[in-house]
C-alpha cells in the first residue's frame, strides 16, 4: 500500500487536485478505480 503514492494512482483526496473541476475529478476517480480493480484481482 505504501507504494501507491505516485501520479499513476491518482490523488487520494480530490481536494489535493491542482484544479477541482468535474473533468479533473472524474479523471482522478477513474485512475483510483483502475488501480483498485487491479489490486483486488491479485
Protein backbone atom coordinates (compact mmCIF):
# COMPACT_ATOMS: atom_id res chain seq x y z
CA UNK A 1 0.00 0.00 0.00
CA UNK A 2 2.79 2.45 0.77
CA UNK A 3 3.88 2.31 -2.89
CA UNK A 4 0.52 3.72 -4.03
CA UNK A 5 1.58 7.36 -3.89
CA UNK A 6 2.69 8.07 -7.47
CA UNK A 7 0.75 10.08 -10.04
CA UNK A 8 -0.31 6.91 -11.86
CA UNK A 9 -2.56 6.11 -8.88
CA UNK A 10 -4.34 9.47 -8.84
CA UNK A 11 -4.68 11.75 -5.82
CA UNK A 12 -6.03 10.11 -2.65
CA UNK A 13 -8.34 13.06 -1.93
CA UNK A 14 -9.97 15.32 -4.50
CA UNK A 15 -9.07 18.49 -2.60
CA UNK A 16 -5.43 17.75 -3.45
CA UNK A 17 -6.12 18.17 -7.16
CA UNK A 18 -4.42 21.14 -8.85
CA UNK A 19 -7.81 22.19 -10.20
CA UNK A 20 -11.11 20.99 -8.80
CA UNK A 21 -13.14 20.69 -11.99
CA UNK A 22 -15.57 17.95 -12.92
CA UNK A 23 -13.18 16.76 -15.65
CA UNK A 24 -10.19 16.56 -13.30
CA UNK A 25 -12.29 14.97 -10.56
CA UNK A 26 -13.60 12.27 -12.90
CA UNK A 27 -10.14 11.60 -14.38
CA UNK A 28 -8.71 11.14 -10.87
CA UNK A 29 -11.65 8.94 -9.85
CA UNK A 30 -11.07 6.76 -12.90
CA UNK A 31 -7.36 6.39 -12.06
CA UNK A 32 -8.15 5.46 -8.47
CA UNK A 33 -10.75 2.93 -9.61
CA UNK A 34 -8.46 1.31 -12.17
CA UNK A 35 -5.76 0.69 -9.58
CA UNK A 36 -8.31 -0.57 -7.07
CA UNK A 37 -9.61 -3.17 -9.53
CA UNK A 38 -6.09 -4.38 -10.33
CA UNK A 39 -5.26 -4.76 -6.63
CA UNK A 40 -8.35 -6.91 -6.00
CA UNK A 41 -7.56 -9.24 -8.91
CA UNK A 42 -4.30 -10.45 -7.34
